[in-house]
């Protein structure tokens, strides 16, 4: 089964931090955005393997992301 997850990337001093919206425990950092993307895919793959091995339920993907404007 193919699942789709939503990634959030944040610029930090050392590069970028990536985290999955639906599975916040999957988090990583990279010097460049592309490095962070690769590492996040790898972290997700490893987390899926670990959850399967422990017979834990894998969180489902497909979050709805919405930006809410506010005047500041």
PDB file of N, CA and C in Angstrom:
ATOM      1  N   UNK A   1       0.835  -1.173   0.000  1.00  0.00           N
ATOM      2  CA  UNK A   1       0.000   0.000   0.000  1.00  0.00           C
ATOM      3  C   UNK A   1       0.891   1.250   0.000  1.00  0.00           C
ATOM      4  N   UNK A   2       0.520   2.228  -0.795  1.00  0.00           N
ATOM      5  CA  UNK A   2       1.269   3.469  -0.883  1.00  0.00           C
ATOM      6  C   UNK A   2       0.568   4.539  -0.054  1.00  0.00           C
ATOM      7  N   UNK A   3       1.301   5.160   0.842  1.00  0.00           N
ATOM      8  CA  UNK A   3       0.783   6.249   1.662  1.00  0.00           C
ATOM      9  C   UNK A   3       1.518   7.527   1.290  1.00  0.00           C
ATOM     10  N   UNK A   4       0.876   8.643   1.419  1.00  0.00           N
ATOM     11  CA  UNK A   4       1.491   9.938   1.147  1.00  0.00           C
ATOM     12  C   UNK A   4       1.472  10.757   2.433  1.00  0.00           C
ATOM     13  N   UNK A   5       2.625  11.323   2.770  1.00  0.00           N
ATOM     14  CA  UNK A   5       2.742  12.141   3.975  1.00  0.00           C
ATOM     15  C   UNK A   5       3.070  13.581   3.597  1.00  0.00           C
ATOM     16  N   UNK A   6       2.742  14.487   4.487  1.00  0.00           N
ATOM     17  CA  UNK A   6       2.962  15.908   4.262  1.00  0.00           C
ATOM     18  C   UNK A   6       4.204  16.359   5.021  1.00  0.00           C
ATOM     19  N   UNK A   7       5.181  16.879   4.294  1.00  0.00           N
ATOM     20  CA  UNK A   7       6.428  17.336   4.907  1.00  0.00           C
ATOM     21  C   UNK A   7       6.385  18.837   5.130  1.00  0.00           C
ATOM     22  N   UNK A   8       6.942  19.251   6.254  1.00  0.00           N
ATOM     23  CA  UNK A   8       7.082  20.667   6.579  1.00  0.00           C
ATOM     24  C   UNK A   8       8.576  20.945   6.718  1.00  0.00           C
ATOM     25  N   UNK A   9       9.064  21.945   5.995  1.00  0.00           N
ATOM     26  CA  UNK A   9      10.478  22.312   6.053  1.00  0.00           C
ATOM     27  C   UNK A   9      10.606  23.705   6.651  1.00  0.00           C
ATOM     28  N   UNK A  10      11.532  23.837   7.600  1.00  0.00           N
ATOM     29  CA  UNK A  10      11.763  25.111   8.265  1.00  0.00           C
ATOM     30  C   UNK A  10      13.233  25.469   8.128  1.00  0.00           C
ATOM     31  N   UNK A  11      13.503  26.705   7.714  1.00  0.00           N
ATOM     32  CA  UNK A  11      14.885  27.179   7.617  1.00  0.00           C
ATOM     33  C   UNK A  11      15.406  27.414   9.029  1.00  0.00           C
ATOM     34  N   UNK A  12      16.563  26.816   9.336  1.00  0.00           N
ATOM     35  CA  UNK A  12      17.211  26.985  10.639  1.00  0.00           C
ATOM     36  C   UNK A  12      18.659  27.454  10.401  1.00  0.00           C
ATOM     37  N   UNK A  13      19.356  27.815  11.461  1.00  0.00           N
ATOM     38  CA  UNK A  13      20.732  28.315  11.305  1.00  0.00           C
ATOM     39  C   UNK A  13      21.650  27.356  10.563  1.00  0.00           C
ATOM     40  N   UNK A  14      21.536  26.067  10.853  1.00  0.00           N
ATOM     41  CA  UNK A  14      22.441  25.090  10.261  1.00  0.00           C
ATOM     42  C   UNK A  14      21.946  24.544   8.918  1.00  0.00           C
ATOM     43  N   UNK A  15      20.812  25.021   8.428  1.00  0.00           N
ATOM     44  CA  UNK A  15      20.281  24.527   7.157  1.00  0.00           C
ATOM     45  C   UNK A  15      18.769  24.462   7.173  1.00  0.00           C
ATOM     46  N   UNK A  16      18.243  23.225   7.139  1.00  0.00           N
ATOM     47  CA  UNK A  16      16.790  23.019   7.142  1.00  0.00           C
ATOM     48  C   UNK A  16      16.409  21.890   8.089  1.00  0.00           C
ATOM     49  N   UNK A  17      15.250  22.034   8.695  1.00  0.00           N
ATOM     50  CA  UNK A  17      14.666  20.974   9.513  1.00  0.00           C
ATOM     51  C   UNK A  17      13.422  20.487   8.769  1.00  0.00           C
ATOM     52  N   UNK A  18      13.278  19.175   8.664  1.00  0.00           N
ATOM     53  CA  UNK A  18      12.107  18.594   8.021  1.00  0.00           C
ATOM     54  C   UNK A  18      11.358  17.702   8.998  1.00  0.00           C
ATOM     55  N   UNK A  19      10.033  17.759   8.930  1.00  0.00           N
ATOM     56  CA  UNK A  19       9.189  16.973   9.832  1.00  0.00           C
ATOM     57  C   UNK A  19       7.909  16.609   9.100  1.00  0.00           C
ATOM     58  N   UNK A  20       7.359  15.448   9.409  1.00  0.00           N
ATOM     59  CA  UNK A  20       6.094  15.044   8.819  1.00  0.00           C
ATOM     60  C   UNK A  20       4.938  15.539   9.671  1.00  0.00           C
ATOM     61  N   UNK A  21       3.947  16.121   9.044  1.00  0.00           N
ATOM     62  CA  UNK A  21       2.786  16.665   9.755  1.00  0.00           C
ATOM     63  C   UNK A  21       2.010  15.542  10.440  1.00  0.00           C
ATOM     64  N   UNK A  22       1.749  14.459   9.713  1.00  0.00           N
ATOM     65  CA  UNK A  22       0.932  13.373  10.253  1.00  0.00           C
ATOM     66  C   UNK A  22       1.695  12.456  11.215  1.00  0.00           C
ATOM     67  N   UNK A  23       3.021  12.548  11.200  1.00  0.00           N
ATOM     68  CA  UNK A  23       3.859  11.662  12.009  1.00  0.00           C
ATOM     69  C   UNK A  23       5.010  12.488  12.568  1.00  0.00           C
ATOM     70  N   UNK A  24       4.758  13.343  13.568  1.00  0.00           N
ATOM     71  CA  UNK A  24       5.750  14.303  14.055  1.00  0.00           C
ATOM     72  C   UNK A  24       7.047  13.685  14.571  1.00  0.00           C
ATOM     73  N   UNK A  25       7.022  12.407  14.922  1.00  0.00           N
ATOM     74  CA  UNK A  25       8.257  11.755  15.393  1.00  0.00           C
ATOM     75  C   UNK A  25       9.274  11.592  14.267  1.00  0.00           C
ATOM     76  N   UNK A  26       8.824  11.683  13.021  1.00  0.00           N
ATOM     77  CA  UNK A  26       9.740  11.595  11.878  1.00  0.00           C
ATOM     78  C   UNK A  26      10.242  13.009  11.606  1.00  0.00           C
ATOM     79  N   UNK A  27      11.482  13.254  12.031  1.00  0.00           N
ATOM     80  CA  UNK A  27      12.062  14.597  11.962  1.00  0.00           C
ATOM     81  C   UNK A  27      13.554  14.467  11.673  1.00  0.00           C
ATOM     82  N   UNK A  28      14.098  15.404  10.918  1.00  0.00           N
ATOM     83  CA  UNK A  28      15.516  15.364  10.583  1.00  0.00           C
ATOM     84  C   UNK A  28      15.994  16.753  10.193  1.00  0.00           C
ATOM     85  N   UNK A  29      17.292  16.883   9.965  1.00  0.00           N
ATOM     86  CA  UNK A  29      17.889  18.140   9.524  1.00  0.00           C
ATOM     87  C   UNK A  29      18.865  17.876   8.395  1.00  0.00           C
ATOM     88  N   UNK A  30      19.077  18.893   7.567  1.00  0.00           N
ATOM     89  CA  UNK A  30      20.053  18.803   6.486  1.00  0.00           C
ATOM     90  C   UNK A  30      20.613  20.178   6.182  1.00  0.00           C
ATOM     91  N   UNK A  31      21.821  20.205   5.606  1.00  0.00           N
ATOM     92  CA  UNK A  31      22.449  21.499   5.293  1.00  0.00           C
ATOM     93  C   UNK A  31      21.695  22.229   4.189  1.00  0.00           C
ATOM     94  N   UNK A  32      21.193  21.490   3.212  1.00  0.00           N
ATOM     95  CA  UNK A  32      20.418  22.084   2.126  1.00  0.00           C
ATOM     96  C   UNK A  32      19.008  21.501   2.151  1.00  0.00           C
ATOM     97  N   UNK A  33      18.107  22.150   1.439  1.00  0.00           N
ATOM     98  CA  UNK A  33      16.737  21.639   1.376  1.00  0.00           C
ATOM     99  C   UNK A  33      16.714  20.256   0.745  1.00  0.00           C
ATOM    100  N   UNK A  34      17.493  20.056  -0.306  1.00  0.00           N
ATOM    101  CA  UNK A  34      17.527  18.734  -0.956  1.00  0.00           C
ATOM    102  C   UNK A  34      18.088  17.675  -0.015  1.00  0.00           C
ATOM    103  N   UNK A  35      19.136  17.994   0.736  1.00  0.00           N
ATOM    104  CA  UNK A  35      19.682  17.053   1.733  1.00  0.00           C
ATOM    105  C   UNK A  35      18.611  16.694   2.755  1.00  0.00           C
ATOM    106  N   UNK A  36      17.888  17.688   3.217  1.00  0.00           N
ATOM    107  CA  UNK A  36      16.846  17.472   4.215  1.00  0.00           C
ATOM    108  C   UNK A  36      15.747  16.578   3.650  1.00  0.00           C
ATOM    109  N   UNK A  37      15.354  16.805   2.407  1.00  0.00           N
ATOM    110  CA  UNK A  37      14.341  15.953   1.768  1.00  0.00           C
ATOM    111  C   UNK A  37      14.790  14.496   1.721  1.00  0.00           C
ATOM    112  N   UNK A  38      16.024  14.278   1.294  1.00  0.00           N
ATOM    113  CA  UNK A  38      16.559  12.908   1.214  1.00  0.00           C
ATOM    114  C   UNK A  38      16.581  12.258   2.592  1.00  0.00           C
ATOM    115  N   UNK A  39      17.032  13.011   3.571  1.00  0.00           N
ATOM    116  CA  UNK A  39      17.126  12.459   4.924  1.00  0.00           C
ATOM    117  C   UNK A  39      15.743  12.193   5.510  1.00  0.00           C
ATOM    118  N   UNK A  40      14.773  13.035   5.177  1.00  0.00           N
ATOM    119  CA  UNK A  40      13.418  12.821   5.679  1.00  0.00           C
ATOM    120  C   UNK A  40      12.800  11.573   5.062  1.00  0.00           C
ATOM    121  N   UNK A  41      13.036  11.354   3.772  1.00  0.00           N
ATOM    122  CA  UNK A  41      12.554  10.117   3.134  1.00  0.00           C
ATOM    123  C   UNK A  41      13.174   8.888   3.795  1.00  0.00           C
ATOM    124  N   UNK A  42      14.479   8.976   4.086  1.00  0.00           N
ATOM    125  CA  UNK A  42      15.163   7.863   4.736  1.00  0.00           C
ATOM    126  C   UNK A  42      14.630   7.654   6.154  1.00  0.00           C
ATOM    127  N   UNK A  43      14.429   8.746   6.884  1.00  0.00           N
ATOM    128  CA  UNK A  43      13.891   8.641   8.254  1.00  0.00           C
ATOM    129  C   UNK A  43      12.505   8.007   8.240  1.00  0.00           C
ATOM    130  N   UNK A  44      11.678   8.383   7.267  1.00  0.00           N
ATOM    131  CA  UNK A  44      10.341   7.797   7.145  1.00  0.00           C
ATOM    132  C   UNK A  44      10.435   6.306   6.866  1.00  0.00           C
ATOM    133  N   UNK A  45      11.299   5.934   5.944  1.00  0.00           N
ATOM    134  CA  UNK A  45      11.477   4.516   5.610  1.00  0.00           C
ATOM    135  C   UNK A  45      11.914   3.707   6.835  1.00  0.00           C
ATOM    136  N   UNK A  46      12.859   4.243   7.593  1.00  0.00           N
ATOM    137  CA  UNK A  46      13.345   3.550   8.789  1.00  0.00           C
ATOM    138  C   UNK A  46      12.263   3.465   9.862  1.00  0.00           C
ATOM    139  N   UNK A  47      11.462   4.511   9.993  1.00  0.00           N
ATOM    140  CA  UNK A  47      10.388   4.510  10.988  1.00  0.00           C
ATOM    141  C   UNK A  47       9.318   3.479  10.624  1.00  0.00           C
ATOM    142  N   UNK A  48       8.991   3.373   9.344  1.00  0.00           N
ATOM    143  CA  UNK A  48       8.022   2.369   8.902  1.00  0.00           C
ATOM    144  C   UNK A  48       8.541   0.971   9.246  1.00  0.00           C
ATOM    145  N   UNK A  49       9.806   0.709   8.965  1.00  0.00           N
ATOM    146  CA  UNK A  49      10.403  -0.601   9.279  1.00  0.00           C
ATOM    147  C   UNK A  49      10.337  -0.884  10.780  1.00  0.00           C
ATOM    148  N   UNK A  50      10.675   0.117  11.593  1.00  0.00           N
ATOM    149  CA  UNK A  50      10.663  -0.056  13.048  1.00  0.00           C
ATOM    150  C   UNK A  50       9.253  -0.322  13.557  1.00  0.00           C
ATOM    151  N   UNK A  51       8.268   0.420  13.041  1.00  0.00           N
ATOM    152  CA  UNK A  51       6.885   0.218  13.476  1.00  0.00           C
ATOM    153  C   UNK A  51       6.385  -1.169  13.077  1.00  0.00           C
ATOM    154  N   UNK A  52       6.724  -1.595  11.886  1.00  0.00           N
ATOM    155  CA  UNK A  52       6.304  -2.941  11.447  1.00  0.00           C
ATOM    156  C   UNK A  52       6.921  -4.015  12.334  1.00  0.00           C
ATOM    157  N   UNK A  53       8.196  -3.857  12.639  1.00  0.00           N
ATOM    158  CA  UNK A  53       8.893  -4.836  13.476  1.00  0.00           C
ATOM    159  C   UNK A  53       8.260  -4.910  14.865  1.00  0.00           C
ATOM    160  N   UNK A  54       7.825  -3.757  15.386  1.00  0.00           N
ATOM    161  CA  UNK A  54       7.210  -3.707  16.711  1.00  0.00           C
ATOM    162  C   UNK A  54       5.704  -3.950  16.674  1.00  0.00           C
ATOM    163  N   UNK A  55       5.183  -4.189  15.457  1.00  0.00           N
ATOM    164  CA  UNK A  55       3.752  -4.438  15.253  1.00  0.00           C
ATOM    165  C   UNK A  55       2.899  -3.259  15.752  1.00  0.00           C
ATOM    166  N   UNK A  56       3.423  -2.046  15.539  1.00  0.00           N
ATOM    167  CA  UNK A  56       2.706  -0.826  15.899  1.00  0.00           C
ATOM    168  C   UNK A  56       1.947  -0.310  14.677  1.00  0.00           C
ATOM    169  N   UNK A  57       0.853   0.383  14.924  1.00  0.00           N
ATOM    170  CA  UNK A  57       0.064   0.938  13.826  1.00  0.00           C
ATOM    171  C   UNK A  57       0.800   2.126  13.201  1.00  0.00           C
ATOM    172  N   UNK A  58       0.916   2.089  11.884  1.00  0.00           N
ATOM    173  CA  UNK A  58       1.583   3.164  11.152  1.00  0.00           C
ATOM    174  C   UNK A  58       0.567   4.283  10.915  1.00  0.00           C
ATOM    175  N   UNK A  59       0.898   5.519  11.317  1.00  0.00           N
ATOM    176  CA  UNK A  59      -0.039   6.633  11.104  1.00  0.00           C
ATOM    177  C   UNK A  59      -0.376   6.794   9.624  1.00  0.00           C
ATOM    178  N   UNK A  60      -1.616   7.128   9.346  1.00  0.00           N
ATOM    179  CA  UNK A  60      -2.009   7.339   7.958  1.00  0.00           C
ATOM    180  C   UNK A  60      -1.590   8.730   7.518  1.00  0.00           C
ATOM    181  N   UNK A  61      -1.444   8.901   6.228  1.00  0.00           N
ATOM    182  CA  UNK A  61      -1.030  10.175   5.663  1.00  0.00           C
ATOM    183  C   UNK A  61      -2.215  10.980   5.189  1.00  0.00           C
ATOM    184  N   UNK A  62      -1.955  11.861   4.254  1.00  0.00           N
ATOM    185  CA  UNK A  62      -2.966  12.671   3.581  1.00  0.00           C
ATOM    186  C   UNK A  62      -3.584  13.749   4.480  1.00  0.00           C
ATOM    187  N   UNK A  63      -2.742  14.522   5.123  1.00  0.00           N
ATOM    188  CA  UNK A  63      -3.242  15.629   5.951  1.00  0.00           C
ATOM    189  C   UNK A  63      -3.751  16.754   5.055  1.00  0.00           C
ATOM    190  N   UNK A  64      -4.632  17.524   5.562  1.00  0.00           N
ATOM    191  CA  UNK A  64      -5.121  18.719   4.883  1.00  0.00           C
ATOM    192  C   UNK A  64      -4.367  19.902   5.477  1.00  0.00           C
ATOM    193  N   UNK A  65      -3.671  20.621   4.633  1.00  0.00           N
ATOM    194  CA  UNK A  65      -2.895  21.786   5.075  1.00  0.00           C
ATOM    195  C   UNK A  65      -3.601  23.040   4.563  1.00  0.00           C
ATOM    196  N   UNK A  66      -3.770  23.986   5.438  1.00  0.00           N
ATOM    197  CA  UNK A  66      -4.440  25.231   5.071  1.00  0.00           C
ATOM    198  C   UNK A  66      -3.689  26.403   5.684  1.00  0.00           C
ATOM    199  N   UNK A  67      -3.439  27.421   4.890  1.00  0.00           N
ATOM    200  CA  UNK A  67      -2.821  28.621   5.414  1.00  0.00           C
ATOM    201  C   UNK A  67      -3.921  29.599   5.800  1.00  0.00           C
ATOM    202  N   UNK A  68      -3.779  30.171   6.979  1.00  0.00           N
ATOM    203  CA  UNK A  68      -4.781  31.112   7.488  1.00  0.00           C
ATOM    204  C   UNK A  68      -4.138  32.485   7.594  1.00  0.00           C
ATOM    205  N   UNK A  69      -4.619  33.445   6.801  1.00  0.00           N
ATOM    206  CA  UNK A  69      -4.023  34.782   6.851  1.00  0.00           C
ATOM    207  C   UNK A  69      -4.461  35.559   8.096  1.00  0.00           C
ATOM    208  N   UNK A  70      -3.542  36.390   8.588  1.00  0.00           N
ATOM    209  CA  UNK A  70      -3.848  37.255   9.722  1.00  0.00           C
ATOM    210  C   UNK A  70      -3.014  38.523   9.576  1.00  0.00           C
ATOM    211  N   UNK A  71      -3.601  39.650   9.856  1.00  0.00           N
ATOM    212  CA  UNK A  71      -2.861  40.896   9.782  1.00  0.00           C
ATOM    213  C   UNK A  71      -2.041  41.074  11.046  1.00  0.00           C
ATOM    214  N   UNK A  72      -0.747  41.370  10.896  1.00  0.00           N
ATOM    215  CA  UNK A  72       0.121  41.562  12.056  1.00  0.00           C
ATOM    216  C   UNK A  72       0.753  42.936  12.032  1.00  0.00           C
TER     217      UNK A  72
END
